[in-house]
């Protein structure tokens, strides 16, 4: 049986991801009904787009928001992590 490089060693555990602030831009002005799908994000409209901003607790939360955008048929224009204030 081959020797596993971590055999007998403690398991490597990565640190949990820290929350981060994101800015997510979608095409169009979202209705109140659509905005209700993103209760933890602040929404602002700009020329032809809606900007959602807020703190997401980890990568899973970010993927959840992106999945909602896709499921609602919204066009994602940009998603970026913002520098801490």
N, C-alpha and C. Protein backbone atom coordinates (compact mmCIF):
# COMPACT_ATOMS: atom_id res chain seq x y z
N UNK A 1 0.84 -1.18 0.00
CA UNK A 1 0.00 0.00 0.00
C UNK A 1 0.89 1.24 0.00
N UNK A 2 0.65 2.20 -0.90
CA UNK A 2 1.50 3.39 -0.95
C UNK A 2 1.31 4.26 0.29
N UNK A 3 2.38 4.89 0.67
CA UNK A 3 2.35 5.79 1.82
C UNK A 3 1.75 7.13 1.41
N UNK A 4 0.74 7.57 2.13
CA UNK A 4 0.12 8.87 1.86
C UNK A 4 0.97 9.94 2.51
N UNK A 5 1.27 11.05 1.82
CA UNK A 5 2.16 12.07 2.37
C UNK A 5 1.69 12.69 3.69
N UNK A 6 0.40 12.64 3.97
CA UNK A 6 -0.10 13.22 5.21
C UNK A 6 -0.45 12.17 6.25
N UNK A 7 -0.13 10.92 5.99
CA UNK A 7 -0.45 9.86 6.94
C UNK A 7 0.22 10.13 8.27
N UNK A 8 -0.55 10.02 9.33
CA UNK A 8 -0.01 10.24 10.67
C UNK A 8 0.10 11.70 11.07
N UNK A 9 -0.12 12.62 10.14
CA UNK A 9 -0.06 14.05 10.45
C UNK A 9 -1.45 14.56 10.72
N UNK A 10 -1.54 15.64 11.46
CA UNK A 10 -2.85 16.25 11.69
C UNK A 10 -3.38 16.78 10.36
N UNK A 11 -4.71 16.83 10.24
CA UNK A 11 -5.32 17.31 9.00
C UNK A 11 -5.06 18.80 8.84
N UNK A 12 -4.81 19.19 7.63
CA UNK A 12 -4.63 20.60 7.33
C UNK A 12 -6.00 21.25 7.27
N UNK A 13 -6.17 22.32 7.97
CA UNK A 13 -7.44 23.02 8.00
C UNK A 13 -7.19 24.46 7.57
N UNK A 14 -7.90 24.87 6.54
CA UNK A 14 -7.73 26.25 6.11
C UNK A 14 -8.59 27.16 6.97
N UNK A 15 -8.18 28.39 7.07
CA UNK A 15 -8.94 29.36 7.83
C UNK A 15 -10.26 29.65 7.12
N UNK A 16 -11.33 29.84 7.88
CA UNK A 16 -12.58 30.18 7.20
C UNK A 16 -12.45 31.52 6.49
N UNK A 17 -13.10 31.62 5.35
CA UNK A 17 -13.04 32.86 4.58
C UNK A 17 -13.68 33.99 5.37
N UNK A 18 -13.05 35.13 5.31
CA UNK A 18 -13.61 36.31 5.99
C UNK A 18 -14.62 36.99 5.10
N UNK A 19 -15.50 37.71 5.73
CA UNK A 19 -16.48 38.45 4.94
C UNK A 19 -15.78 39.55 4.15
N UNK A 20 -16.42 39.93 3.07
CA UNK A 20 -15.86 40.97 2.21
C UNK A 20 -17.01 41.77 1.61
N UNK A 21 -16.69 42.99 1.24
CA UNK A 21 -17.68 43.87 0.62
C UNK A 21 -17.58 43.72 -0.90
N UNK A 22 -18.76 43.59 -1.54
CA UNK A 22 -18.81 43.39 -2.98
C UNK A 22 -19.69 44.43 -3.65
N UNK A 23 -19.38 44.68 -4.91
CA UNK A 23 -20.20 45.51 -5.78
C UNK A 23 -20.56 44.64 -6.98
N UNK A 24 -21.87 44.48 -7.20
CA UNK A 24 -22.36 43.62 -8.27
C UNK A 24 -23.26 44.46 -9.16
N UNK A 25 -22.94 44.53 -10.44
CA UNK A 25 -23.71 45.32 -11.40
C UNK A 25 -24.50 44.41 -12.32
N UNK A 26 -25.80 44.73 -12.47
CA UNK A 26 -26.65 44.00 -13.40
C UNK A 26 -27.32 44.99 -14.34
N UNK A 27 -27.63 44.52 -15.56
CA UNK A 27 -28.26 45.39 -16.56
C UNK A 27 -29.70 45.67 -16.16
N UNK A 28 -30.11 46.91 -16.35
CA UNK A 28 -31.50 47.31 -16.13
C UNK A 28 -31.78 47.81 -14.72
N UNK A 29 -32.96 48.37 -14.57
CA UNK A 29 -33.42 48.85 -13.26
C UNK A 29 -34.32 47.78 -12.68
N UNK A 30 -33.96 47.24 -11.55
CA UNK A 30 -34.71 46.14 -10.95
C UNK A 30 -35.94 46.65 -10.21
N UNK A 31 -37.02 45.93 -10.35
CA UNK A 31 -38.27 46.27 -9.66
C UNK A 31 -38.12 45.94 -8.17
N UNK A 32 -39.04 46.44 -7.37
CA UNK A 32 -39.03 46.14 -5.93
C UNK A 32 -39.14 44.64 -5.70
N UNK A 33 -39.90 43.96 -6.54
CA UNK A 33 -40.06 42.51 -6.42
C UNK A 33 -38.72 41.81 -6.62
N UNK A 34 -37.98 42.20 -7.65
CA UNK A 34 -36.66 41.59 -7.88
C UNK A 34 -35.67 41.97 -6.79
N UNK A 35 -35.72 43.20 -6.33
CA UNK A 35 -34.80 43.63 -5.27
C UNK A 35 -35.02 42.86 -3.98
N UNK A 36 -36.25 42.38 -3.77
CA UNK A 36 -36.57 41.61 -2.56
C UNK A 36 -35.77 40.30 -2.51
N UNK A 37 -35.26 39.85 -3.65
CA UNK A 37 -34.44 38.64 -3.69
C UNK A 37 -33.05 38.86 -3.10
N UNK A 38 -32.70 40.12 -2.87
CA UNK A 38 -31.36 40.46 -2.35
C UNK A 38 -31.49 41.34 -1.10
N UNK A 39 -32.10 40.82 -0.03
CA UNK A 39 -32.40 41.65 1.14
C UNK A 39 -31.18 42.20 1.87
N UNK A 40 -30.04 41.54 1.74
CA UNK A 40 -28.84 41.97 2.46
C UNK A 40 -27.97 42.93 1.66
N UNK A 41 -28.42 43.29 0.47
CA UNK A 41 -27.63 44.18 -0.38
C UNK A 41 -28.35 45.50 -0.60
N UNK A 42 -27.58 46.56 -0.65
CA UNK A 42 -28.12 47.89 -0.95
C UNK A 42 -28.15 48.04 -2.47
N UNK A 43 -29.23 48.61 -2.99
CA UNK A 43 -29.35 48.77 -4.44
C UNK A 43 -29.41 50.24 -4.81
N UNK A 44 -28.68 50.59 -5.86
CA UNK A 44 -28.73 51.93 -6.44
C UNK A 44 -28.83 51.77 -7.94
N UNK A 45 -29.61 52.62 -8.56
CA UNK A 45 -29.71 52.57 -10.01
C UNK A 45 -28.79 53.61 -10.62
N UNK A 46 -28.24 53.25 -11.74
CA UNK A 46 -27.37 54.12 -12.50
C UNK A 46 -27.87 54.05 -13.93
N UNK A 47 -27.22 54.68 -14.84
CA UNK A 47 -27.65 54.70 -16.23
C UNK A 47 -27.76 53.28 -16.77
N UNK A 48 -29.00 52.79 -16.86
CA UNK A 48 -29.25 51.48 -17.45
C UNK A 48 -28.81 50.28 -16.65
N UNK A 49 -28.47 50.47 -15.38
CA UNK A 49 -28.04 49.33 -14.57
C UNK A 49 -28.38 49.52 -13.11
N UNK A 50 -28.35 48.42 -12.38
CA UNK A 50 -28.55 48.44 -10.93
C UNK A 50 -27.26 47.96 -10.29
N UNK A 51 -26.82 48.68 -9.26
CA UNK A 51 -25.60 48.32 -8.54
C UNK A 51 -26.01 47.82 -7.16
N UNK A 52 -25.66 46.57 -6.88
CA UNK A 52 -25.92 45.96 -5.57
C UNK A 52 -24.62 45.96 -4.80
N UNK A 53 -24.64 46.47 -3.57
CA UNK A 53 -23.44 46.47 -2.75
C UNK A 53 -23.76 45.97 -1.36
N UNK A 54 -22.77 45.34 -0.77
CA UNK A 54 -22.95 44.87 0.60
C UNK A 54 -21.87 43.89 0.99
N UNK A 55 -21.90 43.52 2.26
CA UNK A 55 -20.93 42.58 2.81
C UNK A 55 -21.51 41.17 2.70
N UNK A 56 -20.72 40.28 2.14
CA UNK A 56 -21.10 38.87 2.03
C UNK A 56 -20.14 38.08 2.92
N UNK A 57 -20.68 37.14 3.68
CA UNK A 57 -19.90 36.48 4.73
C UNK A 57 -18.80 35.55 4.23
N UNK A 58 -19.00 34.99 3.03
CA UNK A 58 -17.99 34.07 2.50
C UNK A 58 -18.26 33.80 1.03
N UNK A 59 -17.43 32.94 0.45
CA UNK A 59 -17.57 32.63 -0.98
C UNK A 59 -18.92 31.98 -1.27
N UNK A 60 -19.43 31.18 -0.35
CA UNK A 60 -20.73 30.53 -0.56
C UNK A 60 -21.84 31.57 -0.68
N UNK A 61 -21.78 32.61 0.13
CA UNK A 61 -22.78 33.68 0.06
C UNK A 61 -22.69 34.41 -1.28
N UNK A 62 -21.49 34.65 -1.76
CA UNK A 62 -21.30 35.30 -3.06
C UNK A 62 -21.88 34.42 -4.16
N UNK A 63 -21.58 33.15 -4.13
CA UNK A 63 -22.11 32.24 -5.15
C UNK A 63 -23.62 32.16 -5.08
N UNK A 64 -24.18 32.28 -3.88
CA UNK A 64 -25.63 32.28 -3.74
C UNK A 64 -26.26 33.48 -4.43
N UNK A 65 -25.66 34.65 -4.27
CA UNK A 65 -26.16 35.86 -4.93
C UNK A 65 -26.04 35.72 -6.44
N UNK A 66 -24.91 35.23 -6.90
CA UNK A 66 -24.71 35.07 -8.34
C UNK A 66 -25.68 34.05 -8.92
N UNK A 67 -25.98 33.01 -8.16
CA UNK A 67 -26.96 32.01 -8.61
C UNK A 67 -28.35 32.61 -8.72
N UNK A 68 -28.72 33.48 -7.77
CA UNK A 68 -30.03 34.16 -7.83
C UNK A 68 -30.11 35.04 -9.07
N UNK A 69 -29.03 35.75 -9.35
CA UNK A 69 -29.00 36.62 -10.53
C UNK A 69 -29.25 35.79 -11.78
N UNK A 70 -28.60 34.66 -11.88
CA UNK A 70 -28.78 33.78 -13.03
C UNK A 70 -30.20 33.22 -13.08
N UNK A 71 -30.71 32.75 -11.94
CA UNK A 71 -32.04 32.15 -11.89
C UNK A 71 -33.13 33.14 -12.26
N UNK A 72 -32.91 34.41 -11.94
CA UNK A 72 -33.89 35.46 -12.26
C UNK A 72 -33.75 35.97 -13.69
N UNK A 73 -32.77 35.46 -14.41
CA UNK A 73 -32.58 35.86 -15.80
C UNK A 73 -31.97 37.23 -15.96
N UNK A 74 -31.27 37.70 -14.93
CA UNK A 74 -30.64 39.02 -14.99
C UNK A 74 -29.28 38.90 -15.67
N UNK A 75 -28.88 39.97 -16.33
CA UNK A 75 -27.58 39.99 -17.00
C UNK A 75 -26.54 40.59 -16.06
N UNK A 76 -25.59 39.77 -15.66
CA UNK A 76 -24.49 40.21 -14.81
C UNK A 76 -23.50 41.00 -15.65
N UNK A 77 -23.23 42.23 -15.23
CA UNK A 77 -22.27 43.08 -15.95
C UNK A 77 -20.89 43.04 -15.30
N UNK A 78 -20.89 43.03 -13.96
CA UNK A 78 -19.61 43.08 -13.26
C UNK A 78 -19.82 42.64 -11.82
N UNK A 79 -18.82 41.97 -11.28
CA UNK A 79 -18.81 41.61 -9.87
C UNK A 79 -17.38 41.84 -9.39
N UNK A 80 -17.26 42.65 -8.35
CA UNK A 80 -15.91 42.90 -7.85
C UNK A 80 -15.90 43.05 -6.35
N UNK A 81 -14.80 42.61 -5.78
CA UNK A 81 -14.58 42.72 -4.34
C UNK A 81 -14.00 44.10 -4.09
N UNK A 82 -14.56 44.80 -3.13
CA UNK A 82 -14.11 46.13 -2.81
C UNK A 82 -13.09 46.10 -1.67
N UNK A 83 -12.20 47.03 -1.69
CA UNK A 83 -11.20 47.16 -0.64
C UNK A 83 -11.90 47.55 0.66
N UNK A 84 -11.42 47.05 1.79
CA UNK A 84 -12.03 47.45 3.08
C UNK A 84 -11.92 48.97 3.27
N UNK A 85 -12.92 49.48 3.93
CA UNK A 85 -12.93 50.94 4.18
C UNK A 85 -12.05 51.29 5.33
